[in-house]
Amino acid sequence: MSAPPGDIGFRLPATDGAARRGALATAHGPIETPAFMPVGTAATVKALTPQMLAATGARMILGNTYHLMLRPGAERIGRLGGLHGFMRWDGPILTDSGGYQVMSLAALRTIDEDGVEFRSHIDGSRHRLTPERAVQIQRLLGSDVTMVLDECPPFGTDEAAVAAAMRRSMRWAARCRAAFEPRPGHGLFGIVQGGVHPALRAESAEELVAQGYDGYAVGGLAVGEGQEAMFEVLDATVPLLPADRPRYLMGVGKPDDLVGGVARGIDLFDCVLPTRSGRTGQAFTRFGPVNLKNARHADDPRPLDATIDCPASREYSRAYLHHLVRSNEILGAMLLTWHNVAYYQTLMAEMRDAIAGGRFAAFAEAFARDYRCGDVPPLAVAAD
């Protein structure tokens, strides 16, 4: 294994089975792991101010190379202090390289060995993204963690095409590594690809480990394969990654996905689900998701979860939240997003504590039991 290209620290003060409690050191401060990163695609975590976001316990967020390249432009953000100064966020930032958009915007791009040419979904203008340009953009953004450019094929792609995309991603990763400029507190992560095919995942992991990275991501999941298949890929892939480097599962996921990922040795997660769900009337709780659009909440005086240290979780009734959602009030989206992000951060903190205490298996069992039972209606609460 080659030496890593960057300069970030990672230590593991506790493990419990495959679950790991760690600490990642970056230029903008430490992150305790396992950790969930809220998604700030366009230099904002939608519906939250940086102050609200920090109050949830979130330390690290995610930005997106493709979207910020188009608007307002990486060079402009660089001149204005990078993403940290631009959006007034003083914690660490990880930036996706644009590889996901290679899949999600397939109708608007052409791909070759050199890179990807996108036709902007905003105004139709053309933009070329190569491994070198992806690294340059992330440097301009001031990313604490830079991701290599990869090709993420959609679920259902035939194995030969998945293999070709994975091998191209490995060549692009080597070019990203060569283009990356080391500096204190900043690192470069490689991305394991290979779809749901164990042999391809093993080949990808072996090549990336030989190249040497500051951390290793598992990409190309949560694209339609289902939780069981995702966990099977993790079972086959995670043991092949260096134990002394952070492991990041990209684009995942629901609360039970996070618990299952931690149980398999994952340290970092990101997903749009808590923010997107907050904007569409769905709240996540320890007893499963709650749809605030449903009429049964209209007279419910209970908060979403009085045990979570967040005003949106403790101080507003479900009846009021139901009213805001049904009235399409902006405050409804803000409060539900705030709650969801706080719930996710609380869940991660509980897992860190359980790992440190050597009781992660018991925690995971209790979580699964409660999450499956569904939200408790008000009459049942009164009967208790």
Protein backbone atom coordinates (compact mmCIF):
# COMPACT_ATOMS: atom_id res chain seq x y z
CA MET A 1 0.00 0.00 0.00
CA SER A 2 1.37 3.40 -0.97
CA ALA A 3 1.51 6.29 1.49
CA PRO A 4 -1.64 8.45 1.48
CA PRO A 5 -1.52 11.58 -0.66
CA GLY A 6 -2.87 14.00 1.97
CA ASP A 7 -2.47 14.86 5.63
CA ILE A 8 -5.47 14.02 7.81
CA GLY A 9 -5.37 11.99 10.97
CA PHE A 10 -7.60 9.08 11.94
CA ARG A 11 -7.62 7.06 15.13
CA LEU A 12 -9.84 4.35 16.58
CA PRO A 13 -10.14 4.57 20.37
CA ALA A 14 -12.81 1.82 20.50
CA THR A 15 -14.22 -1.05 18.47
CA ASP A 16 -17.08 -3.44 19.18
CA GLY A 17 -17.21 -6.30 16.73
CA ALA A 18 -16.89 -4.67 13.31
CA ALA A 19 -18.35 -1.37 14.59
CA ARG A 20 -15.77 1.35 15.13
CA ARG A 21 -15.67 4.54 17.18
CA GLY A 22 -13.10 6.88 15.71
CA ALA A 23 -11.92 10.45 15.33
CA LEU A 24 -11.00 12.11 12.04
CA ALA A 25 -8.75 15.20 12.23
CA THR A 26 -9.12 17.86 9.51
CA ALA A 27 -8.07 21.44 8.84
CA HIS A 28 -11.42 22.65 10.20
CA GLY A 29 -11.54 20.52 13.32
CA PRO A 30 -12.15 16.93 14.40
CA ILE A 31 -15.12 14.70 13.59
CA GLU A 32 -16.13 11.88 15.90
CA THR A 33 -17.16 8.79 13.95
CA PRO A 34 -19.39 7.10 13.04
CA ALA A 35 -20.79 10.35 11.67
CA PHE A 36 -23.57 11.44 9.35
CA MET A 37 -22.89 14.37 6.98
CA PRO A 38 -25.93 16.47 5.97
CA VAL A 39 -25.90 17.27 2.26
CA GLY A 40 -25.28 20.88 1.24
CA THR A 41 -25.26 20.37 -2.52
CA ALA A 42 -25.42 24.04 -3.56
CA ALA A 43 -23.52 25.58 -0.60
CA THR A 44 -26.53 25.25 1.69
CA VAL A 45 -28.18 22.47 3.65
CA LYS A 46 -31.68 23.20 2.44
CA ALA A 47 -34.04 24.93 4.93
CA LEU A 48 -31.36 25.31 7.65
CA THR A 49 -29.03 28.13 8.62
CA PRO A 50 -25.47 27.16 9.60
CA GLN A 51 -26.39 27.97 13.20
CA MET A 52 -29.39 25.62 13.16
CA LEU A 53 -27.26 22.95 11.54
CA ALA A 54 -24.50 23.22 14.12
CA ALA A 55 -27.05 23.06 16.94
CA THR A 56 -28.05 19.55 15.80
CA GLY A 57 -24.54 18.29 16.52
CA ALA A 58 -23.55 18.05 12.85
CA ARG A 59 -19.84 18.68 12.39
CA MET A 60 -19.12 17.79 8.77
CA ILE A 61 -21.24 18.52 5.70
CA LEU A 62 -21.09 17.60 2.03
CA GLY A 63 -20.91 19.88 -1.01
CA ASN A 64 -21.07 18.98 -4.69
CA THR A 65 -18.47 19.68 -7.37
CA TYR A 66 -20.83 19.49 -10.35
CA HIS A 67 -23.51 21.81 -9.02
CA LEU A 68 -21.09 24.39 -7.65
CA MET A 69 -19.06 24.26 -10.86
CA LEU A 70 -22.17 25.39 -12.74
CA ARG A 71 -23.47 27.91 -10.21
CA PRO A 72 -21.99 30.14 -8.90
CA GLY A 73 -18.67 28.75 -10.23
CA ALA A 74 -15.66 27.30 -8.42
CA GLU A 75 -13.35 30.21 -9.20
CA ARG A 76 -15.89 32.68 -7.79
CA ILE A 77 -16.26 30.65 -4.59
CA GLY A 78 -12.48 30.45 -4.33
CA ARG A 79 -12.17 34.23 -4.55
CA LEU A 80 -14.82 34.62 -1.84
CA GLY A 81 -13.04 32.50 0.73
CA GLY A 82 -13.90 28.97 -0.38
CA LEU A 83 -17.04 27.18 0.70
CA HIS A 84 -16.34 27.78 4.38
CA GLY A 85 -16.29 31.55 4.03
CA PHE A 86 -18.92 31.64 1.29
CA MET A 87 -21.61 29.79 3.26
CA ARG A 88 -20.38 30.74 6.75
CA TRP A 89 -19.71 27.17 7.86
CA ASP A 90 -16.62 26.72 10.04
CA GLY A 91 -16.67 22.92 10.28
CA PRO A 92 -15.15 20.36 7.93
CA ILE A 93 -16.53 19.91 4.40
CA LEU A 94 -16.33 16.86 2.14
CA THR A 95 -17.09 17.40 -1.54
CA ASP A 96 -18.45 14.81 -3.94
CA SER A 97 -16.51 14.87 -7.21
CA GLY A 98 -19.48 14.87 -9.59
CA GLY A 99 -19.36 11.12 -10.18
CA TYR A 100 -22.95 10.63 -9.06
CA GLN A 101 -24.10 13.11 -11.71
CA VAL A 102 -22.37 10.93 -14.31
CA MET A 103 -25.20 8.50 -13.55
CA SER A 104 -28.09 10.76 -12.56
CA LEU A 105 -27.64 13.13 -15.52
CA ALA A 106 -26.83 10.46 -18.09
CA ALA A 107 -29.07 12.12 -20.69
CA LEU A 108 -27.04 15.33 -20.40
CA ARG A 109 -23.50 13.96 -20.59
CA THR A 110 -21.04 12.13 -22.79
CA ILE A 111 -18.19 10.14 -21.29
CA ASP A 112 -14.80 9.12 -22.65
CA GLU A 113 -11.44 8.08 -21.27
CA ASP A 114 -10.40 11.65 -20.62
CA GLY A 115 -13.48 12.65 -18.62
CA VAL A 116 -17.11 13.73 -18.89
CA GLU A 117 -18.74 16.53 -20.83
CA PHE A 118 -21.97 17.81 -19.30
CA ARG A 119 -24.68 19.91 -20.86
CA SER A 120 -25.86 22.09 -18.00
CA HIS A 121 -29.31 21.25 -16.67
CA ILE A 122 -29.66 24.98 -15.93
CA ASP A 123 -28.96 26.68 -19.25
CA GLY A 124 -27.61 24.05 -21.64
CA SER A 125 -24.03 25.35 -21.57
CA ARG A 126 -21.26 22.77 -21.93
CA HIS A 127 -18.76 21.94 -19.21
CA ARG A 128 -15.94 19.38 -19.21
CA LEU A 129 -15.04 17.56 -16.02
CA THR A 130 -11.82 15.56 -15.99
CA PRO A 131 -10.15 13.94 -12.98
CA GLU A 132 -7.68 16.81 -12.86
CA ARG A 133 -10.39 19.47 -13.12
CA ALA A 134 -12.48 17.73 -10.42
CA VAL A 135 -9.52 17.92 -8.03
CA GLN A 136 -8.83 21.55 -9.01
CA ILE A 137 -12.45 22.55 -8.35
CA GLN A 138 -12.44 20.89 -4.94
CA ARG A 139 -9.21 22.71 -4.09
CA LEU A 140 -10.88 26.02 -5.02
CA LEU A 141 -13.86 25.07 -2.84
CA GLY A 142 -11.50 24.48 0.09
CA SER A 143 -12.66 20.92 0.71
CA ASP A 144 -11.22 19.20 3.76
CA VAL A 145 -11.87 15.87 2.05
CA THR A 146 -11.63 15.65 -1.74
CA MET A 147 -13.23 12.72 -3.58
CA VAL A 148 -11.78 11.15 -6.72
CA LEU A 149 -13.84 11.38 -9.92
CA ASP A 150 -15.57 8.08 -10.64
CA GLU A 151 -18.18 6.59 -12.95
CA CYS A 152 -21.23 5.26 -11.09
CA PRO A 153 -23.28 2.95 -13.35
CA PRO A 154 -26.99 2.59 -12.56
CA PHE A 155 -28.35 -0.55 -10.92
CA GLY A 156 -29.21 -3.16 -13.52
CA THR A 157 -26.24 -2.39 -15.77
CA ASP A 158 -24.76 -5.63 -17.14
CA GLU A 159 -21.61 -6.95 -15.47
CA ALA A 160 -19.30 -6.27 -18.41
CA ALA A 161 -20.30 -2.61 -18.50
CA VAL A 162 -19.96 -2.35 -14.70
CA ALA A 163 -16.46 -3.82 -14.98
CA ALA A 164 -15.48 -1.32 -17.70
CA ALA A 165 -16.81 1.60 -15.63
CA MET A 166 -15.00 0.38 -12.50
CA ARG A 167 -11.67 0.03 -14.31
CA ARG A 168 -12.03 3.46 -15.87
CA SER A 169 -12.79 4.82 -12.38
CA MET A 170 -9.54 3.26 -11.12
CA ARG A 171 -7.58 4.98 -13.90
CA TRP A 172 -9.31 8.26 -13.11
CA ALA A 173 -8.52 7.76 -9.40
CA ALA A 174 -4.81 7.48 -10.18
CA ARG A 175 -5.01 10.73 -12.17
CA CYS A 176 -6.82 12.45 -9.27
CA ARG A 177 -4.12 11.25 -6.91
CA ALA A 178 -1.40 12.67 -9.14
CA ALA A 179 -3.24 16.02 -9.37
CA PHE A 180 -3.95 16.34 -5.63
CA GLU A 181 -1.80 18.87 -3.78
CA PRO A 182 -1.09 17.75 -0.19
CA ARG A 183 -1.61 20.29 2.58
CA PRO A 184 -2.12 20.00 6.33
CA GLY A 185 -5.57 18.81 7.40
CA HIS A 186 -6.76 17.88 3.89
CA GLY A 187 -7.14 14.45 2.36
CA LEU A 188 -8.15 12.52 -0.74
CA PHE A 189 -10.51 9.53 -0.63
CA GLY A 190 -10.70 6.76 -3.22
CA ILE A 191 -14.05 5.24 -4.22
CA VAL A 192 -14.62 1.49 -4.55
CA GLN A 193 -16.92 0.64 -7.45
CA GLY A 194 -18.12 -2.64 -8.97
CA GLY A 195 -21.88 -2.73 -8.57
CA VAL A 196 -23.24 -5.79 -6.76
CA HIS A 197 -20.48 -8.05 -8.08
CA PRO A 198 -18.10 -9.21 -5.30
CA ALA A 199 -15.20 -10.01 -7.63
CA LEU A 200 -15.34 -6.53 -9.18
CA ARG A 201 -15.56 -4.89 -5.75
CA ALA A 202 -12.51 -6.89 -4.65
CA GLU A 203 -10.57 -5.86 -7.74
CA SER A 204 -11.46 -2.21 -7.20
CA ALA A 205 -10.53 -2.30 -3.50
CA GLU A 206 -7.21 -3.98 -4.25
CA GLU A 207 -6.27 -1.38 -6.85
CA LEU A 208 -7.22 1.58 -4.64
CA VAL A 209 -5.34 0.20 -1.64
CA ALA A 210 -2.28 -0.27 -3.83
CA GLN A 211 -2.56 3.36 -4.97
CA GLY A 212 -2.96 4.55 -1.35
CA TYR A 213 -5.57 7.04 -0.07
CA ASP A 214 -6.38 8.91 3.12
CA GLY A 215 -9.77 7.17 3.26
CA TYR A 216 -11.87 4.79 1.22
CA ALA A 217 -15.47 5.20 0.11
CA VAL A 218 -17.89 2.53 -1.06
CA GLY A 219 -19.79 4.09 -3.96
CA GLY A 220 -22.42 2.92 -6.40
CA LEU A 221 -24.92 1.74 -3.76
CA ALA A 222 -28.36 3.02 -2.72
CA VAL A 223 -29.19 3.18 -6.44
CA GLY A 224 -32.01 0.63 -6.42
CA GLU A 225 -30.34 -2.60 -5.34
CA GLY A 226 -32.18 -2.82 -1.99
CA GLN A 227 -30.90 -3.04 1.56
CA GLU A 228 -30.13 -6.77 1.56
CA ALA A 229 -27.94 -6.51 -1.55
CA MET A 230 -26.27 -3.38 -0.20
CA PHE A 231 -25.36 -5.14 3.04
CA GLU A 232 -24.02 -8.13 1.08
CA VAL A 233 -21.73 -5.79 -0.85
CA LEU A 234 -20.52 -4.23 2.40
CA ASP A 235 -19.93 -7.66 3.95
CA ALA A 236 -17.71 -8.56 0.98
CA THR A 237 -15.97 -5.20 0.55
CA VAL A 238 -15.33 -3.51 3.90
CA PRO A 239 -12.93 -6.21 5.21
CA LEU A 240 -10.71 -5.53 2.17
CA LEU A 241 -10.16 -1.90 3.17
CA PRO A 242 -7.37 -0.75 5.52
CA ALA A 243 -8.46 -0.82 9.15
CA ASP A 244 -6.49 2.34 9.95
CA ARG A 245 -8.27 4.57 7.43
CA PRO A 246 -11.83 5.97 7.52
CA ARG A 247 -14.53 4.20 5.49
CA TYR A 248 -17.33 6.16 3.88
CA LEU A 249 -20.61 4.75 2.49
CA MET A 250 -21.80 7.27 -0.09
CA GLY A 251 -25.44 8.33 -0.42
CA VAL A 252 -26.83 6.25 2.47
CA GLY A 253 -29.40 6.36 3.87
CA LYS A 254 -32.41 5.52 6.07
CA PRO A 255 -31.85 5.15 9.83
CA ASP A 256 -31.78 1.35 9.65
CA ASP A 257 -29.25 1.58 6.79
CA LEU A 258 -26.98 3.63 9.06
CA VAL A 259 -27.16 1.12 11.90
CA GLY A 260 -26.49 -1.75 9.50
CA GLY A 261 -23.58 0.14 7.94
CA VAL A 262 -21.97 0.87 11.30
CA ALA A 263 -22.36 -2.79 12.23
CA ARG A 264 -20.28 -3.59 9.15
CA GLY A 265 -17.47 -1.15 9.89
CA ILE A 266 -18.56 2.05 8.12
CA ASP A 267 -17.45 5.37 9.65
CA LEU A 268 -19.04 8.11 7.48
CA PHE A 269 -22.39 8.51 5.75
CA ASP A 270 -24.25 11.16 3.75
CA CYS A 271 -27.73 11.30 2.29
CA VAL A 272 -30.34 13.84 1.16
CA LEU A 273 -33.10 11.83 2.86
CA PRO A 274 -33.46 13.76 6.16
CA THR A 275 -33.58 17.13 4.41
CA ARG A 276 -35.67 16.05 1.41
CA SER A 277 -38.13 14.23 3.67
CA GLY A 278 -38.41 17.31 5.87
CA ARG A 279 -39.52 19.32 2.84
CA THR A 280 -42.19 16.75 1.97
CA GLY A 281 -43.82 16.31 5.39
CA GLN A 282 -41.98 13.23 6.66
CA ALA A 283 -40.23 13.04 10.03
CA PHE A 284 -37.95 10.26 11.24
CA THR A 285 -38.27 9.06 14.83
CA ARG A 286 -36.94 6.18 16.90
CA PHE A 287 -40.31 4.48 16.28
CA GLY A 288 -40.11 4.81 12.51
CA PRO A 289 -41.10 7.51 10.02
CA VAL A 290 -44.09 9.79 10.60
CA ASN A 291 -46.08 11.34 7.76
CA LEU A 292 -47.26 14.70 9.09
CA LYS A 293 -49.67 15.06 6.16
CA ASN A 294 -51.90 12.39 7.69
CA ALA A 295 -55.13 13.66 9.28
CA ARG A 296 -54.54 11.65 12.48
CA HIS A 297 -52.00 14.28 13.57
CA ALA A 298 -54.48 17.18 13.38
CA ASP A 299 -55.35 17.06 17.11
CA ASP A 300 -52.16 15.46 18.44
CA PRO A 301 -50.53 17.68 21.13
CA ARG A 302 -47.36 15.57 21.42
CA PRO A 303 -43.98 16.73 20.14
CA LEU A 304 -42.12 14.61 17.62
CA ASP A 305 -39.59 13.46 20.21
CA ALA A 306 -39.12 15.21 23.54
CA THR A 307 -35.85 13.34 24.16
CA ILE A 308 -34.01 15.06 21.30
CA ASP A 309 -32.24 18.30 22.17
CA CYS A 310 -33.72 20.33 19.32
CA PRO A 311 -36.53 22.92 19.51
CA ALA A 312 -38.21 21.45 16.44
CA SER A 313 -38.31 18.03 18.10
CA ARG A 314 -39.44 19.16 21.58
CA GLU A 315 -41.32 22.43 21.42
CA TYR A 316 -43.89 22.13 18.61
CA SER A 317 -46.91 19.87 18.61
CA ARG A 318 -47.61 17.38 15.87
CA ALA A 319 -50.90 19.19 15.36
CA TYR A 320 -49.05 22.42 14.58
CA LEU A 321 -46.56 20.66 12.32
CA HIS A 322 -49.45 18.97 10.52
CA HIS A 323 -51.07 22.38 10.01
CA LEU A 324 -47.84 23.86 8.59
CA VAL A 325 -47.34 20.97 6.20
CA ARG A 326 -50.94 20.95 4.98
CA SER A 327 -50.77 24.73 4.52
CA ASN A 328 -47.48 24.52 2.59
CA GLU A 329 -45.88 26.93 5.02
CA ILE A 330 -42.11 27.36 4.70
CA LEU A 331 -41.75 27.01 8.47
CA GLY A 332 -43.04 23.44 8.24
CA ALA A 333 -40.18 22.44 5.93
CA MET A 334 -37.68 24.20 8.18
CA LEU A 335 -38.87 22.60 11.41
CA LEU A 336 -39.16 19.07 10.00
CA THR A 337 -35.74 19.33 8.37
CA TRP A 338 -34.26 20.62 11.61
CA HIS A 339 -35.82 17.73 13.52
CA ASN A 340 -34.72 15.11 10.99
CA VAL A 341 -31.10 16.25 10.98
CA ALA A 342 -31.14 16.39 14.80
CA TYR A 343 -32.58 12.87 14.93
CA TYR A 344 -29.85 11.57 12.63
CA GLN A 345 -27.16 13.24 14.73
CA THR A 346 -28.70 11.82 17.92
CA LEU A 347 -28.72 8.35 16.37
CA MET A 348 -25.03 8.62 15.46
CA ALA A 349 -24.13 9.85 18.96
CA GLU A 350 -26.03 6.94 20.50
CA MET A 351 -24.12 4.51 18.30
CA ARG A 352 -20.78 6.09 19.23
CA ASP A 353 -21.64 5.73 22.92
CA ALA A 354 -22.77 2.12 22.44
CA ILE A 355 -19.52 1.19 20.68
CA ALA A 356 -17.45 2.85 23.39
CA GLY A 357 -19.41 0.94 26.03
CA GLY A 358 -19.11 -2.42 24.27
CA ARG A 359 -22.87 -2.75 23.85
CA PHE A 360 -23.41 -2.05 20.18
CA ALA A 361 -25.12 -5.38 19.43
CA ALA A 362 -27.68 -4.74 22.17
CA PHE A 363 -28.20 -1.20 20.90
CA ALA A 364 -28.76 -2.40 17.33
CA GLU A 365 -31.27 -5.01 18.51
CA ALA A 366 -33.23 -2.47 20.54
CA PHE A 367 -33.14 0.02 17.68
CA ALA A 368 -34.53 -2.54 15.21
CA ARG A 369 -37.32 -3.54 17.62
CA ASP A 370 -38.40 0.06 18.22
CA TYR A 371 -38.05 1.20 14.62
CA ARG A 372 -40.21 -1.67 13.36
CA CYS A 373 -43.00 -1.08 15.86
CA GLY A 374 -44.17 2.12 14.17
CA ASP A 375 -45.12 5.48 15.60
CA VAL A 376 -47.29 5.22 18.71
CA PRO A 377 -50.75 6.82 18.34
CA PRO A 378 -51.85 9.24 21.09
CA LEU A 379 -54.43 6.89 22.64
CA ALA A 380 -51.79 4.24 23.23
CA VAL A 381 -49.59 6.82 24.94
CA ALA A 382 -52.48 7.82 27.22
CA ALA A 383 -53.11 4.16 28.11
CA ASP A 384 -49.50 3.78 29.24
